[in-house]
Amino acid sequence: MTFAVALVPLVATPFLLWWIPLAGCGAGVTFAVLDLIYDDVPAANLAFGVHGLLCLAVAVWLVADRRRQAAIVAEVAGPIHLDTALTERLRVAFPRWGERTAAAVLLVLGGIGGLAWYGHRAAQVAAHESAAVRADGVIRSVDNTEGTIAVEVPQPVEVDVVGSYEAGQVIPVLVDGAWVRPVAEPEDVTGWLGAGLGALCLAALLLVREQRMRSAGRRLLGGPLSAVELTTELDDHGRAVLPDGMAVVPVVAAPMRSTSPLVTDEDEERTAEEIEDFGRQWRGDGQESEPQTVTVAGDLRDGGWVLLISDSVVLLPEAPLRMPRRRPEVTKAPPGEPLPPMDTGDLPELPVVLWSRPRDRVLGALSLLGFAIGPAVVLAGAPDGWWQTVLALWAGGHFAYQGWCRLNTRVELTRSGLVAHGRGRVHHVPWQRLYGVRHDEKGLWLAWEPGSTFQIGGVADRWGAVMMRLRELSLAAGDPGGRVTSRLGGASAVVLVYAFVAIATVWWQHR
């Protein structure tokens, strides 16, 4: 039981060092103390003692470094006051109890269930042990793969074991009817205890994180803030990157837009200026965007919470500021080179279907055979154990899905727009909503509103020029066009049918 409890901080340490470094250091120190108290193996005491000291040293360094950062910022920061109307709008928009809370509730329920099941199983084991009689059993067979032995007492009974045994060996066992256990290996049900405690600890961390976010919101919106002006860019994960990658701020995906000093209701819509800037960049008509200057207001240090304020946008934090382990990748420029519209001349007859390169389609057809190969391998009895069965069926489904996507990737050109058949979805894009077409060694890249991209290989560059010409003609005609729409493609049906076949295969094998 003690080991099951101590295992929780041991397993949590590497995860927490990545997620919440100070909590990870605390978990490492906690396990080191528990090991010194309850473990009588000197080598383990030494190893985990050193590990605990290292965690303690890292914790001290983190606290000291955060204080040093706060002192440096205090020397250059100045106070700012948020407009009252803006503060009220931000108070409503600030992240509240959300997915983390729901996950914490589910973890609490799971943790309580794990502890309850542990209590039930522990009572069962105690009842068996009190009623059991001691006898000598002969091992008739050993299955090291499954970790079981067959003990004759006098009828053969299969028993799960951890140690190594040999056929013909005589071992003392406890027998209570059909319940048989080696005396040297009492039945261990503490795994449920460890799982339940781990779930409760993770739930507590999530709730503490949510509460810290709410407290940070009250601090940020409750009075004057220390602020400095810095440049920032967004990285590929939607985080604001401060100068030279010195820190990242995870921000809410939909910013609050302000018409100084108020905030408009366009929380989830991109501005027309942003859309046009992206389109010009994709077509190669604009200049490369420069980092934006923003006011960083709040607790500017590792683990602190800040607001990012510009002339028109307020970015709200959804997590504390972090010092990255490596320089973050800022959003890259569009791939390849832009394709201009084709010269005036006759356009091809429409509709036209552009398929991916033949090599990709052949590979797709071969991969699609996984639809039959995965279940066939299982029915042939090749997998040894349930996990190999799951692996074989998963591999078959993966190849079937990838094969279908490769085989059916295409772009259809019509007079009103293009239809792009991609992985899992089919997109209908009016020509007026097409940003542009670019090309590189992989093929053609298409982009359309509001920010979707699509890649198809093996298509000649002239077809990209044709698309740009059709876009140009539609814009010149003044046709407003419709909205971009998308729907599920045939890949979803393939996944559902394969899931049914996989379930039927498992049922047939175990009927």
Protein backbone atom coordinates (compact mmCIF):
# COMPACT_ATOMS: atom_id res chain seq x y z
CA MET A 1 0.00 0.00 0.00
CA THR A 2 2.80 2.40 0.88
CA PHE A 3 4.46 1.73 -2.48
CA ALA A 4 1.21 2.48 -4.34
CA VAL A 5 0.95 5.83 -2.57
CA ALA A 6 4.63 6.70 -3.15
CA LEU A 7 4.36 5.71 -6.80
CA VAL A 8 2.01 8.64 -7.49
CA PRO A 9 4.62 11.43 -6.98
CA LEU A 10 7.29 9.30 -8.68
CA VAL A 11 5.25 8.90 -11.87
CA ALA A 12 4.03 12.51 -11.71
CA THR A 13 7.48 14.08 -11.37
CA PRO A 14 8.61 14.12 -15.04
CA PHE A 15 5.15 15.20 -16.25
CA LEU A 16 4.90 17.99 -13.69
CA LEU A 17 8.45 19.20 -14.35
CA TRP A 18 7.28 19.87 -17.93
CA TRP A 19 3.81 21.25 -17.05
CA ILE A 20 4.20 22.96 -13.66
CA PRO A 21 7.94 22.96 -12.80
CA LEU A 22 7.59 23.93 -9.13
CA ALA A 23 4.98 21.23 -8.55
CA GLY A 24 7.26 18.74 -10.30
CA CYS A 25 10.12 19.65 -7.97
CA GLY A 26 7.79 19.20 -5.00
CA ALA A 27 6.74 15.76 -6.25
CA GLY A 28 10.38 14.71 -6.66
CA VAL A 29 11.28 15.84 -3.14
CA THR A 30 8.18 14.11 -1.71
CA PHE A 31 9.09 10.77 -3.26
CA ALA A 32 12.70 11.07 -2.08
CA VAL A 33 11.50 11.59 1.51
CA LEU A 34 9.09 8.64 1.29
CA ASP A 35 11.84 6.42 -0.11
CA LEU A 36 14.21 7.33 2.71
CA ILE A 37 11.52 6.53 5.31
CA TYR A 38 10.10 3.28 3.94
CA ASP A 39 12.74 1.76 1.63
CA ASP A 40 15.51 -0.30 3.25
CA VAL A 41 17.62 -0.61 0.06
CA PRO A 42 20.70 1.67 0.47
CA ALA A 43 21.28 2.01 -3.29
CA ALA A 44 17.70 3.23 -3.82
CA ASN A 45 18.01 5.62 -0.87
CA LEU A 46 21.16 7.11 -2.38
CA ALA A 47 19.77 7.42 -5.92
CA PHE A 48 16.43 8.94 -4.98
CA GLY A 49 18.04 11.07 -2.28
CA VAL A 50 20.27 12.68 -4.92
CA HIS A 51 17.21 13.04 -7.17
CA GLY A 52 15.33 14.81 -4.38
CA LEU A 53 18.24 17.17 -3.70
CA LEU A 54 18.42 18.06 -7.40
CA CYS A 55 14.68 18.77 -7.45
CA LEU A 56 15.06 20.95 -4.36
CA ALA A 57 17.94 22.86 -5.97
CA VAL A 58 15.88 23.45 -9.14
CA ALA A 59 12.95 24.71 -7.04
CA VAL A 60 15.20 27.18 -5.20
CA TRP A 61 16.67 28.34 -8.52
CA LEU A 62 13.20 28.83 -10.04
CA VAL A 63 11.98 30.92 -7.12
CA ALA A 64 15.14 33.05 -7.06
CA ASP A 65 15.09 33.52 -10.83
CA ARG A 66 11.46 34.64 -10.80
CA ARG A 67 12.25 37.22 -8.11
CA ARG A 68 15.20 38.46 -10.15
CA GLN A 69 13.01 38.80 -13.25
CA ALA A 70 10.37 40.72 -11.28
CA ALA A 71 13.04 43.08 -9.92
CA ILE A 72 14.42 43.80 -13.41
CA VAL A 73 10.95 44.51 -14.82
CA ALA A 74 10.11 46.78 -11.87
CA GLU A 75 13.04 49.05 -12.81
CA VAL A 76 11.73 49.76 -16.34
CA ALA A 77 7.95 49.30 -16.01
CA GLY A 78 5.44 52.09 -15.64
CA PRO A 79 1.87 52.04 -14.32
CA ILE A 80 -1.17 51.95 -16.60
CA HIS A 81 -4.90 52.17 -15.87
CA LEU A 82 -7.44 50.32 -18.01
CA ASP A 83 -10.55 52.14 -19.13
CA THR A 84 -13.56 51.27 -16.95
CA ALA A 85 -15.76 50.20 -19.86
CA LEU A 86 -12.95 48.11 -21.32
CA THR A 87 -12.33 46.50 -17.93
CA GLU A 88 -15.97 45.44 -17.64
CA ARG A 89 -15.93 43.90 -21.12
CA LEU A 90 -12.69 42.07 -20.36
CA ARG A 91 -14.10 40.83 -17.06
CA VAL A 92 -16.93 39.12 -18.94
CA ALA A 93 -14.61 37.72 -21.61
CA PHE A 94 -11.88 36.46 -19.27
CA PRO A 95 -11.60 32.64 -19.34
CA ARG A 96 -13.73 31.01 -16.67
CA TRP A 97 -14.43 27.49 -15.48
CA GLY A 98 -14.15 25.44 -18.66
CA GLU A 99 -12.63 22.27 -20.07
CA ARG A 100 -10.15 21.92 -17.22
CA THR A 101 -12.98 22.05 -14.71
CA ALA A 102 -14.96 19.41 -16.59
CA ALA A 103 -11.86 17.22 -16.81
CA ALA A 104 -11.25 17.69 -13.08
CA VAL A 105 -14.81 16.61 -12.25
CA LEU A 106 -14.42 13.48 -14.38
CA LEU A 107 -11.08 12.75 -12.71
CA VAL A 108 -12.64 13.14 -9.26
CA LEU A 109 -15.38 10.68 -10.18
CA GLY A 110 -12.77 8.29 -11.60
CA GLY A 111 -10.57 8.68 -8.53
CA ILE A 112 -13.45 7.99 -6.15
CA GLY A 113 -14.39 4.97 -8.23
CA GLY A 114 -10.80 3.69 -8.13
CA LEU A 115 -10.59 4.06 -4.36
CA ALA A 116 -13.98 2.40 -3.88
CA TRP A 117 -12.99 -0.52 -6.10
CA TYR A 118 -9.70 -0.83 -4.22
CA GLY A 119 -11.59 -1.06 -0.94
CA HIS A 120 -13.91 -3.70 -2.40
CA ARG A 121 -11.07 -5.82 -3.81
CA ALA A 122 -8.96 -5.45 -0.66
CA ALA A 123 -11.89 -6.73 1.42
CA GLN A 124 -12.31 -9.69 -0.93
CA VAL A 125 -8.61 -10.58 -0.68
CA ALA A 126 -8.66 -10.27 3.12
CA ALA A 127 -11.69 -12.58 3.30
CA HIS A 128 -10.00 -15.18 1.08
CA GLU A 129 -6.76 -15.04 3.08
CA SER A 130 -8.56 -15.47 6.42
CA ALA A 131 -10.52 -18.48 5.13
CA ALA A 132 -7.68 -20.07 3.13
CA VAL A 133 -5.70 -23.16 4.10
CA ARG A 134 -2.01 -23.58 3.41
CA ALA A 135 -0.93 -26.38 1.09
CA ASP A 136 1.87 -27.40 -1.26
CA GLY A 137 1.12 -27.01 -4.96
CA VAL A 138 2.95 -28.48 -7.95
CA ILE A 139 3.55 -26.19 -10.92
CA ARG A 140 2.44 -28.05 -14.06
CA SER A 141 3.08 -25.33 -16.67
CA VAL A 142 4.62 -21.88 -16.92
CA ASP A 143 3.62 -19.12 -19.39
CA ASN A 144 6.24 -16.40 -19.09
CA THR A 145 4.63 -14.38 -21.89
CA GLU A 146 1.35 -13.93 -20.02
CA GLY A 147 2.96 -14.10 -16.53
CA THR A 148 0.88 -17.08 -15.38
CA ILE A 149 1.50 -20.54 -13.93
CA ALA A 150 -0.78 -23.58 -13.63
CA VAL A 151 -0.71 -24.95 -10.07
CA GLU A 152 -2.11 -28.39 -9.20
CA VAL A 153 -4.01 -28.22 -5.85
CA PRO A 154 -5.08 -30.97 -6.77
CA GLN A 155 -6.90 -29.62 -9.87
CA PRO A 156 -4.82 -27.32 -12.14
CA VAL A 157 -5.57 -23.63 -11.45
CA GLU A 158 -4.09 -20.74 -13.47
CA VAL A 159 -2.52 -18.05 -11.28
CA ASP A 160 -1.03 -14.66 -12.20
CA VAL A 161 2.51 -14.25 -10.86
CA VAL A 162 5.41 -11.82 -10.99
CA GLY A 163 8.39 -14.03 -10.12
CA SER A 164 10.09 -16.76 -12.18
CA TYR A 165 9.07 -20.39 -11.75
CA GLU A 166 9.81 -23.75 -13.37
CA ALA A 167 7.51 -26.62 -14.26
CA GLY A 168 7.57 -29.34 -11.59
CA GLN A 169 8.50 -26.92 -8.82
CA VAL A 170 6.63 -27.32 -5.51
CA ILE A 171 5.57 -24.07 -3.84
CA PRO A 172 3.45 -23.26 -0.76
CA VAL A 173 0.06 -21.79 -1.68
CA LEU A 174 -3.07 -20.49 0.03
CA VAL A 175 -6.28 -22.20 -1.12
CA ASP A 176 -9.85 -21.01 -0.58
CA GLY A 177 -12.04 -22.94 -2.99
CA ALA A 178 -11.21 -21.75 -6.52
CA TRP A 179 -9.04 -18.92 -5.12
CA VAL A 180 -5.35 -19.88 -5.10
CA ARG A 181 -2.33 -17.67 -4.40
CA PRO A 182 1.37 -18.44 -3.83
CA VAL A 183 2.34 -17.63 -0.25
CA ALA A 184 5.35 -15.68 -1.57
CA GLU A 185 3.11 -13.49 -3.77
CA PRO A 186 -0.01 -12.19 -1.97
CA GLU A 187 -2.64 -10.81 -4.34
CA ASP A 188 -1.85 -7.15 -5.03
CA VAL A 189 -4.80 -4.83 -5.68
CA THR A 190 -3.01 -1.59 -4.74
CA GLY A 191 -2.88 -0.58 -8.40
CA TRP A 192 -6.45 0.68 -8.00
CA LEU A 193 -5.34 2.71 -4.97
CA GLY A 194 -2.51 4.33 -6.93
CA ALA A 195 -4.76 5.04 -9.93
CA GLY A 196 -7.45 6.58 -7.72
CA LEU A 197 -4.98 8.77 -5.83
CA GLY A 198 -3.31 9.82 -9.08
CA ALA A 199 -6.65 10.84 -10.60
CA LEU A 200 -7.55 12.87 -7.50
CA CYS A 201 -4.14 14.60 -7.46
CA LEU A 202 -4.43 15.52 -11.14
CA ALA A 203 -7.95 16.82 -10.56
CA ALA A 204 -6.65 18.97 -7.70
CA LEU A 205 -3.91 20.40 -9.91
CA LEU A 206 -6.42 21.27 -12.65
CA LEU A 207 -8.74 22.97 -10.16
CA VAL A 208 -5.84 24.90 -8.62
CA ARG A 209 -4.81 26.01 -12.13
CA GLU A 210 -8.37 27.18 -12.83
CA GLN A 211 -8.53 29.05 -9.52
CA ARG A 212 -5.18 30.71 -10.20
CA MET A 213 -6.47 31.88 -13.58
CA ARG A 214 -9.57 33.38 -11.96
CA SER A 215 -7.44 35.07 -9.29
CA ALA A 216 -5.10 36.40 -11.98
CA GLY A 217 -8.08 37.83 -13.84
CA ARG A 218 -9.22 39.70 -10.75
CA ARG A 219 -5.71 41.09 -10.21
CA LEU A 220 -5.26 42.12 -13.84
CA LEU A 221 -8.63 43.87 -13.99
CA GLY A 222 -8.76 45.19 -10.44
CA GLY A 223 -6.37 48.13 -10.46
CA PRO A 224 -3.25 49.78 -11.88
CA LEU A 225 -0.79 47.44 -13.59
CA SER A 226 2.93 47.53 -14.24
CA ALA A 227 3.51 47.61 -17.99
CA VAL A 228 6.28 47.68 -20.57
CA GLU A 229 6.20 47.98 -24.35
CA LEU A 230 7.61 45.00 -26.27
CA THR A 231 7.31 43.48 -29.72
CA THR A 232 5.49 40.18 -30.14
CA GLU A 233 4.68 37.60 -32.80
CA LEU A 234 2.42 34.55 -32.83
CA ASP A 235 4.03 31.12 -33.08
CA ASP A 236 2.62 27.99 -34.73
CA HIS A 237 0.76 27.05 -31.51
CA GLY A 238 -1.17 30.30 -31.13
CA ARG A 239 1.12 31.67 -28.40
CA ALA A 240 2.45 35.21 -28.25
CA VAL A 241 6.27 35.16 -28.47
CA LEU A 242 8.09 38.03 -26.78
CA PRO A 243 11.37 39.46 -28.20
CA ASP A 244 14.09 36.93 -29.10
CA GLY A 245 11.90 34.10 -27.85
CA MET A 246 12.60 35.02 -24.21
CA ALA A 247 9.06 34.05 -23.15
CA VAL A 248 5.76 32.81 -24.53
CA VAL A 249 2.21 33.71 -23.45
CA PRO A 250 -0.57 31.21 -24.28
CA VAL A 251 -3.50 33.42 -25.28
CA VAL A 252 -7.20 32.92 -25.90
CA ALA A 253 -7.81 32.09 -29.58
CA ALA A 254 -10.45 34.80 -30.12
CA PRO A 255 -9.05 38.21 -29.08
CA MET A 256 -11.15 41.08 -27.78
CA ARG A 257 -11.16 43.85 -30.38
CA SER A 258 -11.47 47.41 -29.21
CA THR A 259 -12.44 50.67 -30.85
CA SER A 260 -10.55 52.61 -28.21
CA PRO A 261 -11.57 52.71 -25.47
CA LEU A 262 -14.50 50.25 -25.91
CA VAL A 263 -14.58 46.69 -27.21
CA THR A 264 -16.78 45.63 -30.13
CA ASP A 265 -18.83 42.44 -30.35
CA GLU A 266 -16.68 40.94 -33.13
CA ASP A 267 -14.97 38.47 -30.82
CA GLU A 268 -14.70 35.55 -33.24
CA GLU A 269 -14.51 37.28 -36.62
CA ARG A 270 -11.31 38.26 -38.35
CA THR A 271 -11.22 41.85 -39.50
CA ALA A 272 -11.40 42.64 -43.21
CA GLU A 273 -7.92 44.17 -42.94
CA GLU A 274 -6.46 40.96 -41.50
CA ILE A 275 -8.09 38.86 -44.21
CA GLU A 276 -6.82 41.13 -46.95
CA ASP A 277 -3.30 41.20 -45.47
CA PHE A 278 -3.20 37.40 -45.43
CA GLY A 279 -4.46 37.24 -49.01
CA ARG A 280 -1.85 39.73 -50.24
CA GLN A 281 0.89 37.78 -48.45
CA TRP A 282 -0.29 34.51 -50.03
CA ARG A 283 -0.38 36.06 -53.52
CA GLY A 284 2.99 37.75 -52.98
CA ASP A 285 1.49 41.26 -53.27
CA GLY A 286 2.37 42.45 -49.76
CA GLN A 287 5.41 42.89 -47.60
CA GLU A 288 6.49 40.47 -44.91
CA SER A 289 4.71 41.29 -41.66
CA GLU A 290 6.79 42.85 -38.91
CA PRO A 291 6.52 42.03 -35.20
CA GLN A 292 3.79 44.09 -33.56
CA THR A 293 4.47 46.41 -30.63
CA VAL A 294 2.18 45.72 -27.69
CA THR A 295 1.90 46.78 -24.07
CA VAL A 296 2.58 43.85 -21.74
CA ALA A 297 0.68 44.58 -18.53
CA GLY A 298 0.78 42.51 -15.37
CA ASP A 299 3.30 40.23 -13.69
CA LEU A 300 6.02 39.96 -16.37
CA ARG A 301 8.04 36.98 -15.10
CA ASP A 302 8.09 33.23 -15.51
CA GLY A 303 4.81 31.93 -14.11
CA GLY A 304 3.18 35.37 -14.11
CA TRP A 305 -0.08 36.40 -15.79
CA VAL A 306 -0.17 39.30 -18.27
CA LEU A 307 -2.44 41.11 -20.71
CA LEU A 308 -1.20 42.02 -24.21
CA ILE A 309 -2.69 45.33 -25.33
CA SER A 310 -2.41 47.00 -28.74
CA ASP A 311 -4.33 49.88 -30.33
CA SER A 312 -7.17 47.60 -31.43
CA VAL A 313 -6.76 44.22 -29.72
CA VAL A 314 -6.51 42.91 -26.17
CA LEU A 315 -5.12 39.37 -25.88
CA LEU A 316 -6.29 37.56 -22.75
CA PRO A 317 -4.08 34.87 -21.18
CA GLU A 318 -5.30 31.30 -20.81
CA ALA A 319 -2.13 30.13 -19.04
CA PRO A 320 0.78 31.79 -17.20
CA LEU A 321 3.82 33.17 -19.00
CA ARG A 322 6.55 30.58 -19.58
CA MET A 323 10.22 30.72 -20.49
CA PRO A 324 10.54 28.31 -23.44
CA ARG A 325 13.12 25.52 -23.41
CA ARG A 326 14.00 26.39 -27.00
CA ARG A 327 13.30 29.33 -29.27
CA PRO A 328 9.71 29.10 -30.51
CA GLU A 329 8.98 28.90 -34.22
CA VAL A 330 7.05 31.97 -35.32
CA THR A 331 4.40 31.56 -37.98
CA LYS A 332 6.16 30.77 -41.23
CA ALA A 333 5.66 32.51 -44.57
CA PRO A 334 3.45 30.73 -47.11
CA PRO A 335 5.17 27.80 -48.88
CA GLY A 336 6.73 28.06 -52.32
CA GLU A 337 6.28 30.87 -54.82
CA PRO A 338 3.03 32.59 -55.86
CA LEU A 339 1.55 31.82 -59.27
CA PRO A 340 0.20 34.76 -61.33
CA PRO A 341 -2.98 34.50 -63.41
CA MET A 342 -2.57 32.97 -66.87
CA ASP A 343 -2.24 35.26 -69.85
CA THR A 344 -5.42 36.19 -71.64
CA GLY A 345 -6.59 33.37 -73.84
CA ASP A 346 -9.05 30.55 -74.04
CA LEU A 347 -9.80 28.84 -70.77
CA PRO A 348 -10.19 25.05 -70.70
CA GLU A 349 -13.63 23.49 -70.80
CA LEU A 350 -15.11 23.28 -67.32
CA PRO A 351 -15.58 21.31 -65.14
CA VAL A 352 -12.06 19.86 -64.91
CA VAL A 353 -10.88 17.34 -62.31
CA LEU A 354 -7.22 17.55 -61.23
CA TRP A 355 -5.96 14.35 -59.60
CA SER A 356 -2.84 13.91 -57.49
CA ARG A 357 0.21 12.28 -59.08
CA PRO A 358 -0.24 8.65 -60.27
CA ARG A 359 2.39 7.42 -57.82
CA ASP A 360 0.35 8.69 -54.87
CA ARG A 361 -2.81 7.08 -56.21
CA VAL A 362 -1.08 3.71 -56.70
CA LEU A 363 0.26 3.87 -53.14
CA GLY A 364 -3.22 4.77 -51.99
CA ALA A 365 -4.74 1.77 -53.73
CA LEU A 366 -2.15 -0.53 -52.15
CA SER A 367 -2.67 1.00 -48.70
CA LEU A 368 -6.42 0.53 -49.06
CA LEU A 369 -5.79 -3.22 -48.96
CA GLY A 370 -5.23 -2.77 -45.23
CA PHE A 371 -9.04 -2.76 -44.96
CA ALA A 372 -8.97 -6.51 -45.60
CA ILE A 373 -5.47 -7.44 -44.42
CA GLY A 374 -5.92 -6.27 -40.80
CA PRO A 375 -9.04 -8.37 -40.08
CA ALA A 376 -7.63 -11.30 -42.11
CA VAL A 377 -4.48 -11.38 -39.96
CA VAL A 378 -6.61 -11.45 -36.80
CA LEU A 379 -8.92 -14.19 -38.11
CA ALA A 380 -5.87 -16.25 -39.11
CA GLY A 381 -4.82 -16.26 -35.45
CA ALA A 382 -1.46 -14.55 -36.03
CA PRO A 383 -1.74 -12.04 -33.12
CA ASP A 384 -0.67 -13.44 -29.75
CA GLY A 385 -2.73 -11.70 -27.10
CA TRP A 386 -5.24 -8.87 -27.06
CA TRP A 387 -2.72 -6.07 -27.51
CA GLN A 388 -1.34 -7.61 -30.72
CA THR A 389 -4.93 -7.96 -31.96
CA VAL A 390 -5.58 -4.27 -31.29
CA LEU A 391 -2.29 -3.35 -33.00
CA ALA A 392 -3.10 -5.42 -36.10
CA LEU A 393 -6.60 -3.96 -36.43
CA TRP A 394 -5.34 -0.41 -35.80
CA ALA A 395 -2.63 -0.81 -38.46
CA GLY A 396 -5.18 -2.12 -40.96
CA GLY A 397 -7.50 0.80 -40.28
CA HIS A 398 -4.67 3.33 -40.48
CA PHE A 399 -3.50 2.04 -43.86
CA ALA A 400 -7.10 1.89 -45.12
CA TYR A 401 -7.77 5.50 -44.11
CA GLN A 402 -4.49 6.79 -45.55
CA GLY A 403 -5.08 4.81 -48.73
CA TRP A 404 -8.55 6.24 -49.24
CA CYS A 405 -7.26 9.78 -48.71
CA ARG A 406 -4.39 9.30 -51.18
CA LEU A 407 -6.65 7.69 -53.75
CA ASN A 408 -9.35 10.38 -53.61
CA THR A 409 -7.39 13.62 -53.16
CA ARG A 410 -8.40 15.87 -56.05
CA VAL A 411 -9.53 19.37 -57.01
CA GLU A 412 -12.49 20.00 -59.29
CA LEU A 413 -12.65 23.31 -61.18
CA THR A 414 -16.11 24.64 -62.05
CA ARG A 415 -17.38 27.98 -63.32
CA SER A 416 -18.55 29.03 -59.86
CA GLY A 417 -15.57 27.84 -57.84
CA LEU A 418 -13.42 24.87 -56.90
CA VAL A 419 -14.19 21.72 -54.95
CA ALA A 420 -11.23 20.36 -52.95
CA HIS A 421 -11.47 16.74 -51.76
CA GLY A 422 -9.05 16.46 -48.85
CA ARG A 423 -8.49 14.28 -45.79
CA GLY A 424 -11.91 13.65 -44.35
CA ARG A 425 -13.65 16.77 -45.72
CA VAL A 426 -14.80 18.22 -49.03
CA HIS A 427 -14.50 22.01 -49.38
CA HIS A 428 -16.61 24.13 -51.78
CA VAL A 429 -14.77 27.41 -52.44
CA PRO A 430 -16.22 30.19 -54.65
CA TRP A 431 -13.56 31.84 -56.80
CA GLN A 432 -14.04 35.13 -54.94
CA ARG A 433 -12.98 33.43 -51.69
CA LEU A 434 -9.73 32.01 -53.09
CA TYR A 435 -6.69 33.85 -51.69
CA GLY A 436 -4.17 32.51 -54.16
CA VAL A 437 -2.19 29.56 -55.48
CA ARG A 438 1.51 28.85 -54.84
CA HIS A 439 3.82 26.13 -56.09
CA ASP A 440 6.89 24.30 -54.83
CA GLU A 441 8.57 20.95 -55.38
CA LYS A 442 5.66 19.18 -53.66
CA GLY A 443 2.98 20.53 -56.00
CA LEU A 444 0.33 23.24 -55.73
CA TRP A 445 -0.77 24.98 -52.54
CA LEU A 446 -4.20 26.63 -52.37
CA ALA A 447 -5.49 29.01 -49.70
CA TRP A 448 -8.98 30.38 -49.16
CA GLU A 449 -10.98 32.30 -46.58
CA PRO A 450 -10.74 32.51 -43.67
CA GLY A 451 -7.32 30.79 -43.42
CA SER A 452 -7.49 27.28 -44.87
CA THR A 453 -4.75 25.73 -47.00
CA PHE A 454 -4.77 22.69 -49.26
CA GLN A 455 -1.90 20.84 -50.97
CA ILE A 456 -2.10 18.58 -54.02
CA GLY A 457 0.93 17.00 -55.69
CA GLY A 458 1.57 16.14 -59.31
CA VAL A 459 -0.51 18.98 -60.79
CA ALA A 460 1.11 21.21 -63.41
CA ASP A 461 1.72 24.87 -62.56
CA ARG A 462 -0.46 25.99 -65.48
CA TRP A 463 -3.54 24.78 -63.61
CA GLY A 464 -2.65 27.10 -60.75
CA ALA A 465 -2.48 29.96 -63.24
CA VAL A 466 -5.90 28.89 -64.57
CA MET A 467 -7.37 29.06 -61.06
CA MET A 468 -5.96 32.55 -60.54
CA ARG A 469 -7.40 33.63 -63.91
CA LEU A 470 -10.85 32.32 -62.96
CA ARG A 471 -10.59 34.18 -59.65
CA GLU A 472 -9.60 37.36 -61.49
CA LEU A 473 -12.55 37.09 -63.90
CA SER A 474 -15.03 36.52 -61.05
CA LEU A 475 -13.77 39.57 -59.15
CA ALA A 476 -13.87 41.71 -62.31
CA ALA A 477 -17.48 40.67 -62.94
CA GLY A 478 -18.47 41.97 -59.50
CA ASP A 479 -20.02 38.67 -58.47
CA PRO A 480 -20.16 38.67 -54.64
CA GLY A 481 -20.03 34.88 -54.55
CA GLY A 482 -21.11 32.72 -51.65
CA ARG A 483 -19.51 31.46 -48.47
CA VAL A 484 -16.94 28.70 -48.22
CA THR A 485 -18.65 25.48 -47.14
CA SER A 486 -17.36 22.05 -46.24
CA ARG A 487 -18.83 18.64 -45.52
CA LEU A 488 -17.63 15.22 -44.44
CA GLY A 489 -16.04 13.17 -47.20
CA GLY A 490 -15.97 9.48 -47.95
CA ALA A 491 -13.12 8.85 -45.50
CA SER A 492 -15.58 9.11 -42.60
CA ALA A 493 -17.67 6.29 -44.07
CA VAL A 494 -14.51 4.20 -44.51
CA VAL A 495 -13.63 4.68 -40.84
CA LEU A 496 -17.13 3.75 -39.65
CA VAL A 497 -17.34 0.66 -41.87
CA TYR A 498 -13.86 -0.46 -40.81
CA ALA A 499 -14.76 0.00 -37.13
CA PHE A 500 -17.81 -2.24 -37.67
CA VAL A 501 -15.66 -4.84 -39.47
CA ALA A 502 -13.03 -4.74 -36.69
CA ILE A 503 -15.66 -5.27 -33.97
CA ALA A 504 -17.22 -8.10 -35.96
CA THR A 505 -13.77 -9.66 -36.42
CA VAL A 506 -13.06 -9.66 -32.69
CA TRP A 507 -16.52 -11.09 -31.97
CA TRP A 508 -16.08 -13.85 -34.55
CA GLN A 509 -12.66 -14.76 -33.15
CA HIS A 510 -13.96 -15.07 -29.56
CA ARG A 511 -17.44 -16.47 -30.21
